[in-house]
Amino acid sequence: MGATSSPEARLAELGLTVPELVPPVAAYQPTARSGDLVFTAGQLPARDGEMIAVGKLGGEVSEEQGYECARQCALNALAAVKAEIGSLDQVKRVVKVVVFVASTPDFTGQPKVANGASELLGEVFGDAGKHARSAVGVSVLPLDVPVEVEIVVEV
């Protein structure tokens, strides 16, 4: 991986494709731009039109599955950003990531699950992918998915 390669080139080197933008499932838009910041709506772990897992961490969903869900959510968030700005090469940095993890009351591995999103953004953006983050355990998420991710990027 070249140190000077662009985010779009890094995605290709990683063998990752930014999916088509997943249409909203309720009354909201996929992104909102304010000045140099683009905020994404919460992204679910959809791949090829289907959720890659359902259920809760600490229950029927393993930490590894949760991590993979967080990666997919982050990829879907990048799709939303790309649809808004045209190319991920326009992203100056990832500012903030919020990861919601549907989990049982005794599950405390939310940060490990959230690393799925954070590490993907680091692979794609390098130092510009370093961000502030919250990993939040919740009782349930839309469509019974285990993970939802939203990001804020500076463009």
N, C-alpha and C. Protein backbone atom coordinates (compact mmCIF):
# COMPACT_ATOMS: atom_id res chain seq x y z
N MET A 1 0.84 -1.18 0.00
CA MET A 1 0.00 0.00 0.00
C MET A 1 0.88 1.23 0.00
N GLY A 2 0.77 2.05 -1.01
CA GLY A 2 1.59 3.24 -1.11
C GLY A 2 1.18 4.30 -0.11
N ALA A 3 2.17 4.98 0.46
CA ALA A 3 1.89 6.00 1.47
C ALA A 3 1.14 7.18 0.86
N THR A 4 1.28 7.37 -0.44
CA THR A 4 0.63 8.51 -1.07
C THR A 4 -0.65 8.11 -1.79
N SER A 5 -1.05 6.85 -1.70
CA SER A 5 -2.24 6.44 -2.43
C SER A 5 -3.49 7.08 -1.82
N SER A 6 -4.45 7.34 -2.66
CA SER A 6 -5.68 8.00 -2.24
C SER A 6 -6.60 7.01 -1.54
N PRO A 7 -7.60 7.52 -0.81
CA PRO A 7 -8.57 6.61 -0.19
C PRO A 7 -9.24 5.68 -1.21
N GLU A 8 -9.59 6.22 -2.37
CA GLU A 8 -10.23 5.38 -3.40
C GLU A 8 -9.27 4.27 -3.84
N ALA A 9 -7.99 4.59 -4.00
CA ALA A 9 -7.00 3.59 -4.39
C ALA A 9 -6.78 2.56 -3.29
N ARG A 10 -6.77 3.03 -2.02
CA ARG A 10 -6.59 2.09 -0.90
C ARG A 10 -7.74 1.10 -0.83
N LEU A 11 -8.96 1.57 -1.06
CA LEU A 11 -10.11 0.66 -1.07
C LEU A 11 -9.90 -0.44 -2.09
N ALA A 12 -9.45 -0.06 -3.28
CA ALA A 12 -9.20 -1.05 -4.33
C ALA A 12 -8.10 -2.02 -3.91
N GLU A 13 -7.02 -1.48 -3.31
CA GLU A 13 -5.91 -2.34 -2.85
C GLU A 13 -6.38 -3.32 -1.78
N LEU A 14 -7.35 -2.90 -0.96
CA LEU A 14 -7.88 -3.77 0.08
C LEU A 14 -8.91 -4.75 -0.46
N GLY A 15 -9.23 -4.63 -1.76
CA GLY A 15 -10.23 -5.50 -2.35
C GLY A 15 -11.65 -5.14 -1.92
N LEU A 16 -11.85 -3.90 -1.49
CA LEU A 16 -13.16 -3.46 -1.03
C LEU A 16 -13.82 -2.58 -2.07
N THR A 17 -15.11 -2.74 -2.21
CA THR A 17 -15.89 -1.91 -3.11
C THR A 17 -16.89 -1.14 -2.27
N VAL A 18 -16.96 0.17 -2.48
CA VAL A 18 -17.98 0.95 -1.80
C VAL A 18 -19.32 0.57 -2.44
N PRO A 19 -20.25 0.10 -1.63
CA PRO A 19 -21.52 -0.36 -2.19
C PRO A 19 -22.36 0.80 -2.71
N GLU A 20 -23.44 0.45 -3.40
CA GLU A 20 -24.42 1.47 -3.76
C GLU A 20 -25.03 2.00 -2.47
N LEU A 21 -25.43 3.25 -2.49
CA LEU A 21 -26.05 3.87 -1.34
C LEU A 21 -27.32 3.10 -0.98
N VAL A 22 -27.43 2.72 0.29
CA VAL A 22 -28.63 2.03 0.77
C VAL A 22 -29.71 3.08 1.00
N PRO A 23 -30.87 2.94 0.35
CA PRO A 23 -31.91 3.96 0.54
C PRO A 23 -32.41 3.98 1.98
N PRO A 24 -32.77 5.16 2.50
CA PRO A 24 -33.28 5.27 3.87
C PRO A 24 -34.52 4.39 4.08
N VAL A 25 -34.65 3.84 5.29
CA VAL A 25 -35.81 3.02 5.61
C VAL A 25 -36.87 3.82 6.38
N ALA A 26 -36.67 5.12 6.53
CA ALA A 26 -37.64 5.97 7.23
C ALA A 26 -37.50 7.40 6.68
N ALA A 27 -38.06 8.37 7.41
CA ALA A 27 -38.12 9.76 6.94
C ALA A 27 -36.85 10.52 7.31
N TYR A 28 -35.77 10.32 6.56
CA TYR A 28 -34.52 11.04 6.77
C TYR A 28 -33.72 10.97 5.49
N GLN A 29 -32.63 11.74 5.44
CA GLN A 29 -31.72 11.67 4.29
C GLN A 29 -30.43 10.99 4.73
N PRO A 30 -29.69 10.38 3.77
CA PRO A 30 -28.49 9.62 4.11
C PRO A 30 -27.36 10.47 4.69
N THR A 31 -27.28 11.73 4.27
CA THR A 31 -26.24 12.63 4.78
C THR A 31 -26.81 14.02 4.97
N ALA A 32 -26.12 14.79 5.79
CA ALA A 32 -26.40 16.22 5.93
C ALA A 32 -25.05 16.92 5.96
N ARG A 33 -24.92 17.94 5.13
CA ARG A 33 -23.65 18.69 5.08
C ARG A 33 -23.84 20.04 5.74
N SER A 34 -22.86 20.40 6.58
CA SER A 34 -22.85 21.71 7.21
C SER A 34 -21.43 22.24 7.08
N GLY A 35 -21.26 23.23 6.22
CA GLY A 35 -19.92 23.76 5.98
C GLY A 35 -19.02 22.68 5.42
N ASP A 36 -17.89 22.43 6.10
CA ASP A 36 -16.93 21.43 5.65
C ASP A 36 -17.16 20.05 6.26
N LEU A 37 -18.27 19.88 6.99
CA LEU A 37 -18.54 18.60 7.64
C LEU A 37 -19.70 17.88 6.94
N VAL A 38 -19.53 16.58 6.78
CA VAL A 38 -20.61 15.73 6.27
C VAL A 38 -20.94 14.71 7.37
N PHE A 39 -22.19 14.72 7.79
CA PHE A 39 -22.70 13.80 8.82
C PHE A 39 -23.50 12.71 8.11
N THR A 40 -23.26 11.46 8.45
CA THR A 40 -24.09 10.40 7.87
C THR A 40 -25.19 10.04 8.85
N ALA A 41 -26.28 9.56 8.29
CA ALA A 41 -27.31 8.91 9.10
C ALA A 41 -26.71 7.60 9.60
N GLY A 42 -27.34 7.00 10.59
CA GLY A 42 -26.89 5.70 11.06
C GLY A 42 -26.99 4.68 9.95
N GLN A 43 -25.91 3.93 9.77
CA GLN A 43 -25.85 2.93 8.69
C GLN A 43 -25.93 1.53 9.29
N LEU A 44 -26.73 0.69 8.66
CA LEU A 44 -26.93 -0.68 9.12
C LEU A 44 -26.00 -1.63 8.35
N PRO A 45 -25.83 -2.85 8.87
CA PRO A 45 -24.90 -3.79 8.23
C PRO A 45 -25.52 -4.53 7.04
N ALA A 46 -25.98 -3.77 6.06
CA ALA A 46 -26.56 -4.36 4.85
C ALA A 46 -25.46 -4.64 3.84
N ARG A 47 -25.53 -5.82 3.23
CA ARG A 47 -24.62 -6.17 2.14
C ARG A 47 -25.46 -6.89 1.09
N ASP A 48 -25.37 -6.40 -0.14
CA ASP A 48 -26.14 -7.00 -1.24
C ASP A 48 -27.62 -7.11 -0.90
N GLY A 49 -28.15 -6.07 -0.26
CA GLY A 49 -29.57 -6.00 0.01
C GLY A 49 -30.06 -6.78 1.21
N GLU A 50 -29.16 -7.40 1.96
CA GLU A 50 -29.58 -8.16 3.14
C GLU A 50 -28.70 -7.80 4.33
N MET A 51 -29.27 -7.86 5.52
CA MET A 51 -28.50 -7.63 6.74
C MET A 51 -27.60 -8.85 6.96
N ILE A 52 -26.32 -8.60 7.25
CA ILE A 52 -25.39 -9.74 7.38
C ILE A 52 -25.53 -10.45 8.72
N ALA A 53 -26.25 -9.84 9.67
CA ALA A 53 -26.55 -10.51 10.94
C ALA A 53 -27.72 -9.79 11.59
N VAL A 54 -28.42 -10.51 12.45
CA VAL A 54 -29.45 -9.92 13.30
C VAL A 54 -29.29 -10.50 14.69
N GLY A 55 -29.79 -9.76 15.67
CA GLY A 55 -29.70 -10.22 17.05
C GLY A 55 -28.79 -9.34 17.87
N LYS A 56 -28.41 -9.86 19.04
CA LYS A 56 -27.64 -9.07 20.00
C LYS A 56 -26.27 -9.67 20.28
N LEU A 57 -25.31 -8.77 20.52
CA LEU A 57 -24.00 -9.19 21.02
C LEU A 57 -24.20 -9.68 22.45
N GLY A 58 -23.50 -10.76 22.79
CA GLY A 58 -23.71 -11.38 24.09
C GLY A 58 -24.84 -12.39 24.04
N GLY A 59 -25.53 -12.43 22.89
CA GLY A 59 -26.60 -13.40 22.66
C GLY A 59 -26.24 -14.24 21.45
N GLU A 60 -27.05 -14.11 20.40
CA GLU A 60 -26.86 -14.96 19.21
C GLU A 60 -25.77 -14.45 18.26
N VAL A 61 -25.26 -13.24 18.49
CA VAL A 61 -24.25 -12.66 17.60
C VAL A 61 -22.89 -12.67 18.31
N SER A 62 -21.88 -13.26 17.66
CA SER A 62 -20.54 -13.32 18.24
C SER A 62 -19.82 -11.98 18.08
N GLU A 63 -18.76 -11.79 18.87
CA GLU A 63 -17.96 -10.57 18.77
C GLU A 63 -17.38 -10.44 17.36
N GLU A 64 -16.96 -11.56 16.76
CA GLU A 64 -16.39 -11.53 15.41
C GLU A 64 -17.45 -11.08 14.40
N GLN A 65 -18.68 -11.59 14.55
CA GLN A 65 -19.76 -11.16 13.66
C GLN A 65 -20.07 -9.68 13.86
N GLY A 66 -20.04 -9.22 15.11
CA GLY A 66 -20.28 -7.82 15.41
C GLY A 66 -19.23 -6.92 14.77
N TYR A 67 -17.97 -7.36 14.86
CA TYR A 67 -16.86 -6.63 14.24
C TYR A 67 -17.09 -6.51 12.73
N GLU A 68 -17.47 -7.62 12.09
CA GLU A 68 -17.73 -7.62 10.64
C GLU A 68 -18.91 -6.72 10.30
N CYS A 69 -19.93 -6.72 11.15
CA CYS A 69 -21.07 -5.82 10.94
C CYS A 69 -20.62 -4.36 11.01
N ALA A 70 -19.77 -4.03 11.98
CA ALA A 70 -19.29 -2.65 12.12
C ALA A 70 -18.49 -2.24 10.89
N ARG A 71 -17.67 -3.16 10.35
CA ARG A 71 -16.94 -2.89 9.11
C ARG A 71 -17.89 -2.57 7.96
N GLN A 72 -18.93 -3.40 7.83
CA GLN A 72 -19.90 -3.20 6.75
C GLN A 72 -20.65 -1.89 6.93
N CYS A 73 -21.04 -1.58 8.16
CA CYS A 73 -21.70 -0.30 8.44
C CYS A 73 -20.81 0.87 8.02
N ALA A 74 -19.51 0.79 8.34
CA ALA A 74 -18.58 1.86 7.98
C ALA A 74 -18.46 1.98 6.46
N LEU A 75 -18.43 0.84 5.78
CA LEU A 75 -18.38 0.85 4.31
C LEU A 75 -19.64 1.50 3.75
N ASN A 76 -20.79 1.21 4.35
CA ASN A 76 -22.04 1.82 3.92
C ASN A 76 -22.05 3.32 4.22
N ALA A 77 -21.43 3.72 5.33
CA ALA A 77 -21.31 5.15 5.64
C ALA A 77 -20.44 5.84 4.59
N LEU A 78 -19.38 5.17 4.16
CA LEU A 78 -18.53 5.74 3.10
C LEU A 78 -19.32 5.88 1.79
N ALA A 79 -20.22 4.95 1.54
CA ALA A 79 -21.07 5.05 0.35
C ALA A 79 -21.93 6.30 0.42
N ALA A 80 -22.47 6.59 1.61
CA ALA A 80 -23.29 7.78 1.78
C ALA A 80 -22.45 9.04 1.57
N VAL A 81 -21.24 9.07 2.15
CA VAL A 81 -20.35 10.22 1.98
C VAL A 81 -20.00 10.40 0.50
N LYS A 82 -19.65 9.30 -0.16
CA LYS A 82 -19.27 9.37 -1.57
C LYS A 82 -20.42 9.89 -2.42
N ALA A 83 -21.65 9.46 -2.12
CA ALA A 83 -22.81 9.94 -2.87
C ALA A 83 -22.99 11.44 -2.68
N GLU A 84 -22.62 11.94 -1.51
CA GLU A 84 -22.76 13.38 -1.22
C GLU A 84 -21.68 14.21 -1.89
N ILE A 85 -20.42 13.73 -1.89
CA ILE A 85 -19.31 14.58 -2.33
C ILE A 85 -18.64 14.12 -3.62
N GLY A 86 -19.03 12.96 -4.14
CA GLY A 86 -18.49 12.52 -5.43
C GLY A 86 -17.31 11.57 -5.36
N SER A 87 -16.35 11.84 -4.49
CA SER A 87 -15.16 10.99 -4.36
C SER A 87 -14.66 11.03 -2.93
N LEU A 88 -14.28 9.87 -2.43
CA LEU A 88 -13.74 9.82 -1.07
C LEU A 88 -12.38 10.51 -0.98
N ASP A 89 -11.76 10.79 -2.12
CA ASP A 89 -10.50 11.52 -2.13
C ASP A 89 -10.67 12.96 -1.64
N GLN A 90 -11.94 13.42 -1.57
CA GLN A 90 -12.22 14.77 -1.07
C GLN A 90 -12.26 14.83 0.46
N VAL A 91 -12.21 13.67 1.12
CA VAL A 91 -12.27 13.64 2.59
C VAL A 91 -10.91 14.05 3.15
N LYS A 92 -10.90 15.12 3.98
CA LYS A 92 -9.66 15.55 4.63
C LYS A 92 -9.37 14.70 5.84
N ARG A 93 -10.42 14.37 6.61
CA ARG A 93 -10.23 13.50 7.77
C ARG A 93 -11.56 13.00 8.27
N VAL A 94 -11.50 11.88 8.99
CA VAL A 94 -12.65 11.37 9.72
C VAL A 94 -12.59 12.04 11.09
N VAL A 95 -13.68 12.70 11.48
CA VAL A 95 -13.69 13.47 12.72
C VAL A 95 -14.25 12.64 13.87
N LYS A 96 -15.40 12.00 13.65
CA LYS A 96 -16.10 11.34 14.74
C LYS A 96 -16.81 10.10 14.22
N VAL A 97 -16.80 9.05 15.03
CA VAL A 97 -17.52 7.82 14.72
C VAL A 97 -18.35 7.45 15.95
N VAL A 98 -19.61 7.14 15.73
CA VAL A 98 -20.47 6.64 16.80
C VAL A 98 -20.95 5.26 16.38
N VAL A 99 -20.73 4.28 17.28
CA VAL A 99 -21.11 2.90 17.00
C VAL A 99 -22.10 2.46 18.08
N PHE A 100 -23.30 2.09 17.63
CA PHE A 100 -24.32 1.57 18.53
C PHE A 100 -24.29 0.05 18.42
N VAL A 101 -24.24 -0.63 19.57
CA VAL A 101 -24.14 -2.08 19.60
C VAL A 101 -25.33 -2.62 20.40
N ALA A 102 -26.23 -3.33 19.72
CA ALA A 102 -27.34 -3.97 20.42
C ALA A 102 -26.76 -5.14 21.19
N SER A 103 -26.91 -5.11 22.52
CA SER A 103 -26.23 -6.10 23.32
C SER A 103 -27.05 -6.49 24.54
N THR A 104 -26.73 -7.66 25.05
CA THR A 104 -27.34 -8.12 26.29
C THR A 104 -26.77 -7.28 27.44
N PRO A 105 -27.48 -7.22 28.57
CA PRO A 105 -27.03 -6.37 29.68
C PRO A 105 -25.63 -6.69 30.20
N ASP A 106 -25.18 -7.93 30.04
CA ASP A 106 -23.88 -8.32 30.58
C ASP A 106 -22.74 -8.21 29.56
N PHE A 107 -23.05 -7.82 28.32
CA PHE A 107 -22.01 -7.71 27.30
C PHE A 107 -21.29 -6.37 27.45
N THR A 108 -19.95 -6.40 27.51
CA THR A 108 -19.18 -5.17 27.69
C THR A 108 -18.11 -5.00 26.61
N GLY A 109 -18.22 -5.73 25.52
CA GLY A 109 -17.21 -5.67 24.46
C GLY A 109 -17.54 -4.70 23.34
N GLN A 110 -18.37 -3.69 23.62
CA GLN A 110 -18.73 -2.73 22.56
C GLN A 110 -17.51 -2.12 21.88
N PRO A 111 -16.44 -1.73 22.63
CA PRO A 111 -15.27 -1.16 21.94
C PRO A 111 -14.62 -2.12 20.94
N LYS A 112 -14.57 -3.42 21.26
CA LYS A 112 -13.99 -4.39 20.33
C LYS A 112 -14.83 -4.49 19.06
N VAL A 113 -16.15 -4.45 19.21
CA VAL A 113 -17.04 -4.47 18.05
C VAL A 113 -16.81 -3.20 17.22
N ALA A 114 -16.77 -2.05 17.90
CA ALA A 114 -16.60 -0.76 17.22
C ALA A 114 -15.29 -0.69 16.45
N ASN A 115 -14.28 -1.44 16.91
CA ASN A 115 -13.00 -1.46 16.18
C ASN A 115 -13.17 -1.89 14.73
N GLY A 116 -14.22 -2.65 14.43
CA GLY A 116 -14.47 -3.03 13.04
C GLY A 116 -14.61 -1.81 12.15
N ALA A 117 -15.34 -0.82 12.63
CA ALA A 117 -15.51 0.43 11.87
C ALA A 117 -14.23 1.26 11.91
N SER A 118 -13.66 1.42 13.10
CA SER A 118 -12.48 2.28 13.25
C SER A 118 -11.30 1.77 12.45
N GLU A 119 -11.06 0.46 12.48
CA GLU A 119 -9.92 -0.09 11.75
C GLU A 119 -10.12 0.01 10.24
N LEU A 120 -11.36 -0.16 9.76
CA LEU A 120 -11.61 0.01 8.33
C LEU A 120 -11.29 1.44 7.91
N LEU A 121 -11.74 2.42 8.69
CA LEU A 121 -11.49 3.82 8.34
C LEU A 121 -10.00 4.14 8.38
N GLY A 122 -9.28 3.52 9.31
CA GLY A 122 -7.82 3.69 9.36
C GLY A 122 -7.15 3.09 8.14
N GLU A 123 -7.63 1.92 7.69
CA GLU A 123 -7.05 1.28 6.49
C GLU A 123 -7.29 2.14 5.25
N VAL A 124 -8.46 2.77 5.18
CA VAL A 124 -8.82 3.54 3.99
C VAL A 124 -8.16 4.92 3.99
N PHE A 125 -8.13 5.59 5.15
CA PHE A 125 -7.69 6.98 5.18
C PHE A 125 -6.33 7.19 5.85
N GLY A 126 -5.70 6.14 6.38
CA GLY A 126 -4.42 6.31 7.05
C GLY A 126 -4.56 7.23 8.25
N ASP A 127 -3.61 8.13 8.45
CA ASP A 127 -3.66 9.04 9.60
C ASP A 127 -4.92 9.90 9.60
N ALA A 128 -5.44 10.22 8.43
CA ALA A 128 -6.67 11.03 8.33
C ALA A 128 -7.89 10.25 8.81
N GLY A 129 -7.72 8.94 9.00
CA GLY A 129 -8.82 8.11 9.50
C GLY A 129 -8.89 8.03 11.01
N LYS A 130 -7.91 8.63 11.71
CA LYS A 130 -7.94 8.64 13.18
C LYS A 130 -9.04 9.60 13.64
N HIS A 131 -9.85 9.16 14.60
CA HIS A 131 -11.06 9.90 14.95
C HIS A 131 -11.41 9.75 16.42
N ALA A 132 -12.26 10.65 16.88
CA ALA A 132 -12.92 10.48 18.17
C ALA A 132 -14.03 9.46 17.98
N ARG A 133 -14.36 8.72 19.07
CA ARG A 133 -15.36 7.66 18.90
C ARG A 133 -16.15 7.43 20.18
N SER A 134 -17.40 7.04 19.98
CA SER A 134 -18.22 6.53 21.07
C SER A 134 -18.69 5.14 20.67
N ALA A 135 -18.63 4.19 21.60
CA ALA A 135 -19.16 2.84 21.39
C ALA A 135 -20.23 2.63 22.45
N VAL A 136 -21.48 2.57 22.03
CA VAL A 136 -22.61 2.63 22.94
C VAL A 136 -23.42 1.35 22.88
N GLY A 137 -23.64 0.73 24.02
CA GLY A 137 -24.52 -0.43 24.09
C GLY A 137 -25.96 0.01 24.19
N VAL A 138 -26.83 -0.60 23.38
CA VAL A 138 -28.26 -0.28 23.37
C VAL A 138 -29.06 -1.58 23.41
N SER A 139 -30.34 -1.47 23.78
CA SER A 139 -31.14 -2.69 23.93
C SER A 139 -31.61 -3.25 22.60
N VAL A 140 -31.87 -2.40 21.61
CA VAL A 140 -32.33 -2.89 20.31
C VAL A 140 -32.07 -1.81 19.25
N LEU A 141 -31.86 -2.26 18.01
CA LEU A 141 -31.64 -1.36 16.88
C LEU A 141 -32.66 -1.68 15.79
N PRO A 142 -32.84 -0.79 14.82
CA PRO A 142 -33.81 -1.04 13.75
C PRO A 142 -33.57 -2.39 13.06
N LEU A 143 -34.65 -3.05 12.71
CA LEU A 143 -34.63 -4.33 12.00
C LEU A 143 -33.88 -5.42 12.77
N ASP A 144 -33.68 -5.21 14.07
CA ASP A 144 -32.99 -6.15 14.96
C ASP A 144 -31.53 -6.39 14.57
N VAL A 145 -30.90 -5.38 13.91
CA VAL A 145 -29.48 -5.53 13.57
C VAL A 145 -28.64 -5.37 14.83
N PRO A 146 -27.44 -5.95 14.85
CA PRO A 146 -26.59 -5.85 16.04
C PRO A 146 -25.77 -4.56 16.12
N VAL A 147 -25.55 -3.90 14.99
CA VAL A 147 -24.65 -2.74 14.98
C VAL A 147 -25.20 -1.67 14.03
N GLU A 148 -25.03 -0.41 14.44
CA GLU A 148 -25.35 0.74 13.59
C GLU A 148 -24.21 1.74 13.76
N VAL A 149 -23.77 2.34 12.66
CA VAL A 149 -22.62 3.24 12.69
C VAL A 149 -22.98 4.56 11.99
N GLU A 150 -22.57 5.67 12.60
CA GLU A 150 -22.63 6.96 11.93
C GLU A 150 -21.27 7.61 12.00
N ILE A 151 -20.93 8.37 10.96
CA ILE A 151 -19.63 9.03 10.93
C ILE A 151 -19.80 10.49 10.56
N VAL A 152 -18.80 11.28 10.95
CA VAL A 152 -18.69 12.69 10.55
C VAL A 152 -17.32 12.84 9.92
N VAL A 153 -17.30 13.38 8.70
CA VAL A 153 -16.02 13.63 8.02
C VAL A 153 -15.90 15.09 7.66
N GLU A 154 -14.64 15.55 7.59
CA GLU A 154 -14.33 16.89 7.12
C GLU A 154 -13.92 16.78 5.65
N VAL A 155 -14.47 17.67 4.83
CA VAL A 155 -14.15 17.65 3.39
C VAL A 155 -13.53 18.97 2.97
